Amino acid sequence: MAIKHTKHFLDKLENLFASSEYMLRYEKGNFKSGYCVLNDAKIVIVNKYFPLEGKINALIDILIELNLDPADFKDKANHDFLTELRQTQLKF
């Protein structure tokens, strides 16, 4: 799967977070990597001033870091999307 830097692709990534136990928020801040993960509170914060490409790249990095299990998703589309995304990232 090719990573597309479109609003639709960003929506799919945001939907993964909505289906997971993590809450995704866009806030202003000066995070070194552009995002912050609060594992104890299960909150992910991404710099809201990032351009579309930066938001997508940050969310992909976070999904890889969190190591979510695709089997935990009830929606088959989210399960398949996360599996395909993870396989794509393993090639790089």
PDB file of N, CA and C in Angstrom:
ATOM      1  N   MET A   1       0.847  -1.166   0.000  1.00  0.00           N
ATOM      2  CA  MET A   1       0.000   0.000   0.000  1.00  0.00           C
ATOM      3  C   MET A   1       0.892   1.228   0.000  1.00  0.00           C
ATOM      4  N   ALA A   2       0.566   2.140  -0.859  1.00  0.00           N
ATOM      5  CA  ALA A   2       1.291   3.405  -0.909  1.00  0.00           C
ATOM      6  C   ALA A   2       0.660   4.380   0.080  1.00  0.00           C
ATOM      7  N   ILE A   3       1.504   5.085   0.772  1.00  0.00           N
ATOM      8  CA  ILE A   3       1.012   6.081   1.712  1.00  0.00           C
ATOM      9  C   ILE A   3       0.658   7.323   0.911  1.00  0.00           C
ATOM     10  N   LYS A   4      -0.601   7.713   1.014  1.00  0.00           N
ATOM     11  CA  LYS A   4      -1.086   8.869   0.272  1.00  0.00           C
ATOM     12  C   LYS A   4      -1.237  10.027   1.249  1.00  0.00           C
ATOM     13  N   HIS A   5      -0.796  11.164   0.868  1.00  0.00           N
ATOM     14  CA  HIS A   5      -0.897  12.332   1.729  1.00  0.00           C
ATOM     15  C   HIS A   5      -2.138  13.134   1.336  1.00  0.00           C
ATOM     16  N   THR A   6      -3.307  12.535   1.616  1.00  0.00           N
ATOM     17  CA  THR A   6      -4.585  13.156   1.310  1.00  0.00           C
ATOM     18  C   THR A   6      -5.421  13.235   2.579  1.00  0.00           C
ATOM     19  N   LYS A   7      -6.447  14.058   2.526  1.00  0.00           N
ATOM     20  CA  LYS A   7      -7.360  14.200   3.660  1.00  0.00           C
ATOM     21  C   LYS A   7      -8.071  12.873   3.935  1.00  0.00           C
ATOM     22  N   HIS A   8      -8.415  12.133   2.890  1.00  0.00           N
ATOM     23  CA  HIS A   8      -9.092  10.847   3.051  1.00  0.00           C
ATOM     24  C   HIS A   8      -8.202   9.852   3.811  1.00  0.00           C
ATOM     25  N   PHE A   9      -6.926   9.822   3.480  1.00  0.00           N
ATOM     26  CA  PHE A   9      -5.995   8.923   4.164  1.00  0.00           C
ATOM     27  C   PHE A   9      -5.846   9.329   5.633  1.00  0.00           C
ATOM     28  N   LEU A  10      -5.794  10.634   5.896  1.00  0.00           N
ATOM     29  CA  LEU A  10      -5.739  11.124   7.268  1.00  0.00           C
ATOM     30  C   LEU A  10      -6.993  10.708   8.029  1.00  0.00           C
ATOM     31  N   ASP A  11      -8.148  10.788   7.382  1.00  0.00           N
ATOM     32  CA  ASP A  11      -9.400  10.362   8.022  1.00  0.00           C
ATOM     33  C   ASP A  11      -9.364   8.889   8.392  1.00  0.00           C
ATOM     34  N   LYS A  12      -8.782   8.065   7.532  1.00  0.00           N
ATOM     35  CA  LYS A  12      -8.673   6.633   7.833  1.00  0.00           C
ATOM     36  C   LYS A  12      -7.770   6.391   9.039  1.00  0.00           C
ATOM     37  N   LEU A  13      -6.669   7.138   9.130  1.00  0.00           N
ATOM     38  CA  LEU A  13      -5.775   7.007  10.277  1.00  0.00           C
ATOM     39  C   LEU A  13      -6.473   7.473  11.555  1.00  0.00           C
ATOM     40  N   GLU A  14      -7.206   8.578  11.475  1.00  0.00           N
ATOM     41  CA  GLU A  14      -7.938   9.080  12.636  1.00  0.00           C
ATOM     42  C   GLU A  14      -9.010   8.087  13.072  1.00  0.00           C
ATOM     43  N   ASN A  15      -9.616   7.411  12.122  1.00  0.00           N
ATOM     44  CA  ASN A  15     -10.627   6.399  12.425  1.00  0.00           C
ATOM     45  C   ASN A  15     -10.009   5.226  13.184  1.00  0.00           C
ATOM     46  N   LEU A  16      -8.761   4.883  12.874  1.00  0.00           N
ATOM     47  CA  LEU A  16      -8.066   3.829  13.622  1.00  0.00           C
ATOM     48  C   LEU A  16      -7.945   4.211  15.098  1.00  0.00           C
ATOM     49  N   PHE A  17      -7.576   5.458  15.349  1.00  0.00           N
ATOM     50  CA  PHE A  17      -7.457   5.904  16.735  1.00  0.00           C
ATOM     51  C   PHE A  17      -8.815   5.949  17.417  1.00  0.00           C
ATOM     52  N   ALA A  18      -9.849   6.354  16.686  1.00  0.00           N
ATOM     53  CA  ALA A  18     -11.190   6.406  17.260  1.00  0.00           C
ATOM     54  C   ALA A  18     -11.673   5.008  17.646  1.00  0.00           C
ATOM     55  N   SER A  19     -11.235   4.000  16.912  1.00  0.00           N
ATOM     56  CA  SER A  19     -11.636   2.623  17.196  1.00  0.00           C
ATOM     57  C   SER A  19     -10.764   1.958  18.247  1.00  0.00           C
ATOM     58  N   SER A  20      -9.642   2.586  18.569  1.00  0.00           N
ATOM     59  CA  SER A  20      -8.730   2.016  19.559  1.00  0.00           C
ATOM     60  C   SER A  20      -9.052   2.609  20.929  1.00  0.00           C
ATOM     61  N   GLU A  21      -8.251   2.215  21.899  1.00  0.00           N
ATOM     62  CA  GLU A  21      -8.449   2.739  23.249  1.00  0.00           C
ATOM     63  C   GLU A  21      -7.748   4.077  23.455  1.00  0.00           C
ATOM     64  N   TYR A  22      -7.030   4.555  22.445  1.00  0.00           N
ATOM     65  CA  TYR A  22      -6.319   5.830  22.540  1.00  0.00           C
ATOM     66  C   TYR A  22      -7.180   6.976  22.009  1.00  0.00           C
ATOM     67  N   MET A  23      -7.092   8.121  22.673  1.00  0.00           N
ATOM     68  CA  MET A  23      -7.792   9.317  22.231  1.00  0.00           C
ATOM     69  C   MET A  23      -6.801  10.197  21.483  1.00  0.00           C
ATOM     70  N   LEU A  24      -7.188  10.619  20.292  1.00  0.00           N
ATOM     71  CA  LEU A  24      -6.343  11.464  19.454  1.00  0.00           C
ATOM     72  C   LEU A  24      -6.799  12.907  19.588  1.00  0.00           C
ATOM     73  N   ARG A  25      -5.846  13.793  19.865  1.00  0.00           N
ATOM     74  CA  ARG A  25      -6.146  15.219  19.974  1.00  0.00           C
ATOM     75  C   ARG A  25      -5.113  16.004  19.197  1.00  0.00           C
ATOM     76  N   TYR A  26      -5.563  17.099  18.608  1.00  0.00           N
ATOM     77  CA  TYR A  26      -4.663  18.035  17.931  1.00  0.00           C
ATOM     78  C   TYR A  26      -4.569  19.265  18.819  1.00  0.00           C
ATOM     79  N   GLU A  27      -3.368  19.568  19.281  1.00  0.00           N
ATOM     80  CA  GLU A  27      -3.126  20.693  20.188  1.00  0.00           C
ATOM     81  C   GLU A  27      -1.887  21.435  19.713  1.00  0.00           C
ATOM     82  N   LYS A  28      -1.760  22.671  20.171  1.00  0.00           N
ATOM     83  CA  LYS A  28      -0.526  23.388  19.869  1.00  0.00           C
ATOM     84  C   LYS A  28       0.491  23.041  20.947  1.00  0.00           C
ATOM     85  N   GLY A  29       1.714  23.038  20.550  1.00  0.00           N
ATOM     86  CA  GLY A  29       2.781  22.709  21.479  1.00  0.00           C
ATOM     87  C   GLY A  29       4.091  22.612  20.745  1.00  0.00           C
ATOM     88  N   ASN A  30       5.155  22.581  21.492  1.00  0.00           N
ATOM     89  CA  ASN A  30       6.467  22.463  20.855  1.00  0.00           C
ATOM     90  C   ASN A  30       7.066  21.111  21.232  1.00  0.00           C
ATOM     91  N   PHE A  31       6.469  20.071  20.699  1.00  0.00           N
ATOM     92  CA  PHE A  31       6.960  18.720  20.900  1.00  0.00           C
ATOM     93  C   PHE A  31       8.146  18.524  19.965  1.00  0.00           C
ATOM     94  N   LYS A  32       9.173  17.881  20.447  1.00  0.00           N
ATOM     95  CA  LYS A  32      10.375  17.692  19.628  1.00  0.00           C
ATOM     96  C   LYS A  32      10.080  16.893  18.365  1.00  0.00           C
ATOM     97  N   SER A  33       9.258  15.864  18.489  1.00  0.00           N
ATOM     98  CA  SER A  33       8.953  15.029  17.332  1.00  0.00           C
ATOM     99  C   SER A  33       7.655  15.448  16.650  1.00  0.00           C
ATOM    100  N   GLY A  34       6.964  16.439  17.189  1.00  0.00           N
ATOM    101  CA  GLY A  34       5.706  16.880  16.599  1.00  0.00           C
ATOM    102  C   GLY A  34       4.496  16.211  17.218  1.00  0.00           C
ATOM    103  N   TYR A  35       4.753  15.283  18.131  1.00  0.00           N
ATOM    104  CA  TYR A  35       3.641  14.618  18.806  1.00  0.00           C
ATOM    105  C   TYR A  35       4.085  14.166  20.181  1.00  0.00           C
ATOM    106  N   CYS A  36       3.104  13.793  20.975  1.00  0.00           N
ATOM    107  CA  CYS A  36       3.360  13.327  22.331  1.00  0.00           C
ATOM    108  C   CYS A  36       2.385  12.193  22.623  1.00  0.00           C
ATOM    109  N   VAL A  37       2.866  11.113  23.201  1.00  0.00           N
ATOM    110  CA  VAL A  37       2.017   9.977  23.562  1.00  0.00           C
ATOM    111  C   VAL A  37       2.030   9.837  25.079  1.00  0.00           C
ATOM    112  N   LEU A  38       0.872   9.962  25.668  1.00  0.00           N
ATOM    113  CA  LEU A  38       0.722   9.771  27.110  1.00  0.00           C
ATOM    114  C   LEU A  38       0.141   8.376  27.315  1.00  0.00           C
ATOM    115  N   ASN A  39       1.025   7.395  27.496  1.00  0.00           N
ATOM    116  CA  ASN A  39       0.584   6.006  27.557  1.00  0.00           C
ATOM    117  C   ASN A  39      -0.320   5.714  28.745  1.00  0.00           C
ATOM    118  N   ASP A  40      -0.040   6.309  29.907  1.00  0.00           N
ATOM    119  CA  ASP A  40      -0.863   6.029  31.076  1.00  0.00           C
ATOM    120  C   ASP A  40      -2.292   6.514  30.897  1.00  0.00           C
ATOM    121  N   ALA A  41      -2.461   7.666  30.268  1.00  0.00           N
ATOM    122  CA  ALA A  41      -3.797   8.225  30.047  1.00  0.00           C
ATOM    123  C   ALA A  41      -4.387   7.788  28.707  1.00  0.00           C
ATOM    124  N   LYS A  42      -3.581   7.109  27.895  1.00  0.00           N
ATOM    125  CA  LYS A  42      -3.980   6.645  26.565  1.00  0.00           C
ATOM    126  C   LYS A  42      -4.455   7.815  25.690  1.00  0.00           C
ATOM    127  N   ILE A  43      -3.617   8.852  25.663  1.00  0.00           N
ATOM    128  CA  ILE A  43      -3.889  10.033  24.860  1.00  0.00           C
ATOM    129  C   ILE A  43      -2.720  10.268  23.908  1.00  0.00           C
ATOM    130  N   VAL A  44      -3.046  10.591  22.667  1.00  0.00           N
ATOM    131  CA  VAL A  44      -2.053  10.932  21.654  1.00  0.00           C
ATOM    132  C   VAL A  44      -2.314  12.376  21.256  1.00  0.00           C
ATOM    133  N   ILE A  45      -1.284  13.200  21.334  1.00  0.00           N
ATOM    134  CA  ILE A  45      -1.416  14.613  20.985  1.00  0.00           C
ATOM    135  C   ILE A  45      -0.482  14.908  19.816  1.00  0.00           C
ATOM    136  N   VAL A  46      -1.056  15.477  18.756  1.00  0.00           N
ATOM    137  CA  VAL A  46      -0.282  15.833  17.564  1.00  0.00           C
ATOM    138  C   VAL A  46      -0.361  17.349  17.404  1.00  0.00           C
ATOM    139  N   ASN A  47       0.743  17.943  16.988  1.00  0.00           N
ATOM    140  CA  ASN A  47       0.795  19.385  16.769  1.00  0.00           C
ATOM    141  C   ASN A  47      -0.233  19.786  15.716  1.00  0.00           C
ATOM    142  N   LYS A  48      -1.172  20.647  16.095  1.00  0.00           N
ATOM    143  CA  LYS A  48      -2.254  21.013  15.178  1.00  0.00           C
ATOM    144  C   LYS A  48      -1.779  21.906  14.041  1.00  0.00           C
ATOM    145  N   TYR A  49      -0.585  22.485  14.153  1.00  0.00           N
ATOM    146  CA  TYR A  49      -0.064  23.341  13.097  1.00  0.00           C
ATOM    147  C   TYR A  49       0.756  22.578  12.060  1.00  0.00           C
ATOM    148  N   PHE A  50       0.852  21.278  12.226  1.00  0.00           N
ATOM    149  CA  PHE A  50       1.519  20.449  11.224  1.00  0.00           C
ATOM    150  C   PHE A  50       0.739  20.515   9.918  1.00  0.00           C
ATOM    151  N   PRO A  51       1.430  20.515   8.782  1.00  0.00           N
ATOM    152  CA  PRO A  51       0.717  20.374   7.515  1.00  0.00           C
ATOM    153  C   PRO A  51       0.170  18.946   7.399  1.00  0.00           C
ATOM    154  N   LEU A  52      -0.657  18.727   6.425  1.00  0.00           N
ATOM    155  CA  LEU A  52      -1.313  17.424   6.231  1.00  0.00           C
ATOM    156  C   LEU A  52      -0.301  16.282   6.197  1.00  0.00           C
ATOM    157  N   GLU A  53       0.778  16.452   5.445  1.00  0.00           N
ATOM    158  CA  GLU A  53       1.801  15.410   5.332  1.00  0.00           C
ATOM    159  C   GLU A  53       2.439  15.113   6.684  1.00  0.00           C
ATOM    160  N   GLY A  54       2.706  16.144   7.466  1.00  0.00           N
ATOM    161  CA  GLY A  54       3.300  15.965   8.791  1.00  0.00           C
ATOM    162  C   GLY A  54       2.376  15.218   9.736  1.00  0.00           C
ATOM    163  N   LYS A  55       1.087  15.522   9.680  1.00  0.00           N
ATOM    164  CA  LYS A  55       0.119  14.827  10.530  1.00  0.00           C
ATOM    165  C   LYS A  55       0.056  13.344  10.179  1.00  0.00           C
ATOM    166  N   ILE A  56       0.020  13.048   8.891  1.00  0.00           N
ATOM    167  CA  ILE A  56      -0.049  11.650   8.447  1.00  0.00           C
ATOM    168  C   ILE A  56       1.203  10.898   8.876  1.00  0.00           C
ATOM    169  N   ASN A  57       2.375  11.483   8.655  1.00  0.00           N
ATOM    170  CA  ASN A  57       3.621  10.821   9.043  1.00  0.00           C
ATOM    171  C   ASN A  57       3.703  10.616  10.550  1.00  0.00           C
ATOM    172  N   ALA A  58       3.251  11.605  11.315  1.00  0.00           N
ATOM    173  CA  ALA A  58       3.268  11.481  12.777  1.00  0.00           C
ATOM    174  C   ALA A  58       2.330  10.361  13.235  1.00  0.00           C
ATOM    175  N   LEU A  59       1.129  10.296  12.650  1.00  0.00           N
ATOM    176  CA  LEU A  59       0.180   9.261  13.054  1.00  0.00           C
ATOM    177  C   LEU A  59       0.686   7.864  12.702  1.00  0.00           C
ATOM    178  N   ILE A  60       1.348   7.738  11.573  1.00  0.00           N
ATOM    179  CA  ILE A  60       1.916   6.439  11.194  1.00  0.00           C
ATOM    180  C   ILE A  60       3.023   6.053  12.173  1.00  0.00           C
ATOM    181  N   ASP A  61       3.883   6.996  12.512  1.00  0.00           N
ATOM    182  CA  ASP A  61       4.941   6.726  13.495  1.00  0.00           C
ATOM    183  C   ASP A  61       4.346   6.283  14.827  1.00  0.00           C
ATOM    184  N   ILE A  62       3.282   6.952  15.239  1.00  0.00           N
ATOM    185  CA  ILE A  62       2.654   6.625  16.519  1.00  0.00           C
ATOM    186  C   ILE A  62       2.027   5.239  16.473  1.00  0.00           C
ATOM    187  N   LEU A  63       1.355   4.916  15.374  1.00  0.00           N
ATOM    188  CA  LEU A  63       0.738   3.589  15.259  1.00  0.00           C
ATOM    189  C   LEU A  63       1.785   2.484  15.331  1.00  0.00           C
ATOM    190  N   ILE A  64       2.928   2.708  14.735  1.00  0.00           N
ATOM    191  CA  ILE A  64       3.997   1.716  14.792  1.00  0.00           C
ATOM    192  C   ILE A  64       4.550   1.624  16.214  1.00  0.00           C
ATOM    193  N   GLU A  65       4.715   2.768  16.863  1.00  0.00           N
ATOM    194  CA  GLU A  65       5.246   2.802  18.227  1.00  0.00           C
ATOM    195  C   GLU A  65       4.294   2.134  19.226  1.00  0.00           C
ATOM    196  N   LEU A  66       2.988   2.355  19.047  1.00  0.00           N
ATOM    197  CA  LEU A  66       2.014   1.789  19.981  1.00  0.00           C
ATOM    198  C   LEU A  66       1.862   0.286  19.820  1.00  0.00           C
ATOM    199  N   ASN A  67       2.176  -0.219  18.637  1.00  0.00           N
ATOM    200  CA  ASN A  67       2.106  -1.647  18.363  1.00  0.00           C
ATOM    201  C   ASN A  67       0.715  -2.206  18.696  1.00  0.00           C
ATOM    202  N   LEU A  68      -0.325  -1.559  18.162  1.00  0.00           N
ATOM    203  CA  LEU A  68      -1.697  -2.006  18.371  1.00  0.00           C
ATOM    204  C   LEU A  68      -1.925  -3.339  17.675  1.00  0.00           C
ATOM    205  N   ASP A  69      -2.752  -4.151  18.249  1.00  0.00           N
ATOM    206  CA  ASP A  69      -3.067  -5.461  17.684  1.00  0.00           C
ATOM    207  C   ASP A  69      -4.262  -5.321  16.748  1.00  0.00           C
ATOM    208  N   PRO A  70      -4.116  -5.676  15.467  1.00  0.00           N
ATOM    209  CA  PRO A  70      -5.242  -5.569  14.531  1.00  0.00           C
ATOM    210  C   PRO A  70      -6.453  -6.400  14.964  1.00  0.00           C
ATOM    211  N   ALA A  71      -6.235  -7.465  15.713  1.00  0.00           N
ATOM    212  CA  ALA A  71      -7.340  -8.313  16.156  1.00  0.00           C
ATOM    213  C   ALA A  71      -8.240  -7.607  17.163  1.00  0.00           C
ATOM    214  N   ASP A  72      -7.760  -6.531  17.773  1.00  0.00           N
ATOM    215  CA  ASP A  72      -8.569  -5.787  18.739  1.00  0.00           C
ATOM    216  C   ASP A  72      -9.638  -4.920  18.081  1.00  0.00           C
ATOM    217  N   PHE A  73      -9.537  -4.720  16.781  1.00  0.00           N
ATOM    218  CA  PHE A  73     -10.509  -3.889  16.073  1.00  0.00           C
ATOM    219  C   PHE A  73     -11.693  -4.729  15.619  1.00  0.00           C
ATOM    220  N   LYS A  74     -12.883  -4.271  15.960  1.00  0.00           N
ATOM    221  CA  LYS A  74     -14.108  -4.990  15.592  1.00  0.00           C
ATOM    222  C   LYS A  74     -14.453  -4.768  14.130  1.00  0.00           C
ATOM    223  N   ASP A  75     -14.126  -3.586  13.627  1.00  0.00           N
ATOM    224  CA  ASP A  75     -14.412  -3.249  12.238  1.00  0.00           C
ATOM    225  C   ASP A  75     -13.360  -3.885  11.334  1.00  0.00           C
ATOM    226  N   LYS A  76     -13.809  -4.698  10.406  1.00  0.00           N
ATOM    227  CA  LYS A  76     -12.877  -5.407   9.518  1.00  0.00           C
ATOM    228  C   LYS A  76     -12.058  -4.440   8.665  1.00  0.00           C
ATOM    229  N   ALA A  77     -12.659  -3.322   8.276  1.00  0.00           N
ATOM    230  CA  ALA A  77     -11.929  -2.341   7.460  1.00  0.00           C
ATOM    231  C   ALA A  77     -10.739  -1.786   8.238  1.00  0.00           C
ATOM    232  N   ASN A  78     -10.935  -1.480   9.521  1.00  0.00           N
ATOM    233  CA  ASN A  78      -9.827  -0.976  10.340  1.00  0.00           C
ATOM    234  C   ASN A  78      -8.773  -2.055  10.556  1.00  0.00           C
ATOM    235  N   HIS A  79      -9.226  -3.282  10.773  1.00  0.00           N
ATOM    236  CA  HIS A  79      -8.313  -4.419  10.945  1.00  0.00           C
ATOM    237  C   HIS A  79      -7.437  -4.566   9.708  1.00  0.00           C
ATOM    238  N   ASP A  80      -8.056  -4.574   8.537  1.00  0.00           N
ATOM    239  CA  ASP A  80      -7.321  -4.752   7.286  1.00  0.00           C
ATOM    240  C   ASP A  80      -6.396  -3.569   6.996  1.00  0.00           C
ATOM    241  N   PHE A  81      -6.885  -2.366   7.278  1.00  0.00           N
ATOM    242  CA  PHE A  81      -6.072  -1.167   7.030  1.00  0.00           C
ATOM    243  C   PHE A  81      -4.823  -1.164   7.902  1.00  0.00           C
ATOM    244  N   LEU A  82      -4.961  -1.478   9.184  1.00  0.00           N
ATOM    245  CA  LEU A  82      -3.811  -1.500  10.082  1.00  0.00           C
ATOM    246  C   LEU A  82      -2.829  -2.602   9.687  1.00  0.00           C
ATOM    247  N   THR A  83      -3.333  -3.757   9.323  1.00  0.00           N
ATOM    248  CA  THR A  83      -2.472  -4.856   8.897  1.00  0.00           C
ATOM    249  C   THR A  83      -1.682  -4.471   7.645  1.00  0.00           C
ATOM    250  N   GLU A  84      -2.375  -3.893   6.674  1.00  0.00           N
ATOM    251  CA  GLU A  84      -1.719  -3.489   5.431  1.00  0.00           C
ATOM    252  C   GLU A  84      -0.714  -2.362   5.682  1.00  0.00           C
ATOM    253  N   LEU A  85      -1.066  -1.424   6.543  1.00  0.00           N
ATOM    254  CA  LEU A  85      -0.162  -0.327   6.877  1.00  0.00           C
ATOM    255  C   LEU A  85       1.098  -0.846   7.561  1.00  0.00           C
ATOM    256  N   ARG A  86       0.927  -1.778   8.462  1.00  0.00           N
ATOM    257  CA  ARG A  86       2.074  -2.351   9.183  1.00  0.00           C
ATOM    258  C   ARG A  86       2.981  -3.125   8.228  1.00  0.00           C
ATOM    259  N   GLN A  87       2.411  -3.869   7.288  1.00  0.00           N
ATOM    260  CA  GLN A  87       3.213  -4.608   6.315  1.00  0.00           C
ATOM    261  C   GLN A  87       4.001  -3.656   5.424  1.00  0.00           C
ATOM    262  N   THR A  88       3.387  -2.551   5.053  1.00  0.00           N
ATOM    263  CA  THR A  88       4.062  -1.553   4.233  1.00  0.00           C
ATOM    264  C   THR A  88       5.246  -0.955   4.966  1.00  0.00           C
ATOM    265  N   GLN A  89       5.059  -0.651   6.247  1.00  0.00           N
ATOM    266  CA  GLN A  89       6.121  -0.021   7.031  1.00  0.00           C
ATOM    267  C   GLN A  89       7.265  -0.985   7.317  1.00  0.00           C
ATOM    268  N   LEU A  90       6.992  -2.272   7.386  1.00  0.00           N
ATOM    269  CA  LEU A  90       8.046  -3.252   7.623  1.00  0.00           C
ATOM    270  C   LEU A  90       9.000  -3.348   6.433  1.00  0.00           C
ATOM    271  N   LYS A  91       8.531  -2.983   5.246  1.00  0.00           N
ATOM    272  CA  LYS A  91       9.372  -3.051   4.060  1.00  0.00           C
ATOM    273  C   LYS A  91      10.413  -1.949   4.051  1.00  0.00           C
ATOM    274  N   PHE A  92      10.156  -0.852   4.767  1.00  0.00           N
ATOM    275  CA  PHE A  92      11.078   0.301   4.777  1.00  0.00           C
ATOM    276  C   PHE A  92      12.103   0.159   5.804  1.00  0.00           C
TER     277      PHE A  92
END
